[in-house]
Amino acid sequence: MRYIYSIIGAIILLISGTQSAFAQKETTITRTILGCTLGKSTLDSVTIRLQELGAEFEPTNPTTPRAAGLLVTGGVTFASARPRILFIFIDKKLALINIIFLTKDDADRINRNLSLKYKNWEDTTTYKEEGGAVQDPRTFLLHTYTFAEDYKKDFQYSTLSYGDKTLLSKSAKIASEEL
């Protein structure tokens, strides 16, 4: 669960920061993943879609008020891999999709393909993490590698995050009001 909180924190930072120059160029990020569309698909429609795909999944309990989640633990192939996938909903609308890759080969392939697909892809590096990001006016896409304590020697996992900016901003406002 710790990686989920770190990803949500990174996403809030990405949204709350000013838009950088690469975000202002004409890039349209894919908003439909596995037949589920950010900002439009509901909790019920995603549940039905996952059942159609034969996915193994279970509900999660996000700490954000008015949020719900579904964790896919098996039965789904994404980009030729079998990752874990976390769907986060705000007020029953799909706000965030986190796709967790457990092998470095899959992570490298995803990162390479994203950098080729999105001309405005920008590489990012932080302590114990690296990857890249791109955003458009409605959506952000973030891919991070997470390494063990010995920085870049022991790959742990990578997380590919697709997020709806409007719903995640709404979530942050709801959370701050609860404090």
Foldseek 3Di string as FASTA:
>chain_A
DVVVVVVLVVVVVVLPDDDDPLQPDDDDDDQADLNAGAPPAFPVNVVVSCVVLVFDKDKDDDPFPQKIKIWTDASDDDPNATWIWMFMDHVRGTFKIKTKFADVVSLVVVQVVVCVVTVSWDWDDDFQKTGTKYHYPFKIWTKIWGAPPVRPPHTGIIIIMIGGSVRSVVSVVRRVVVD
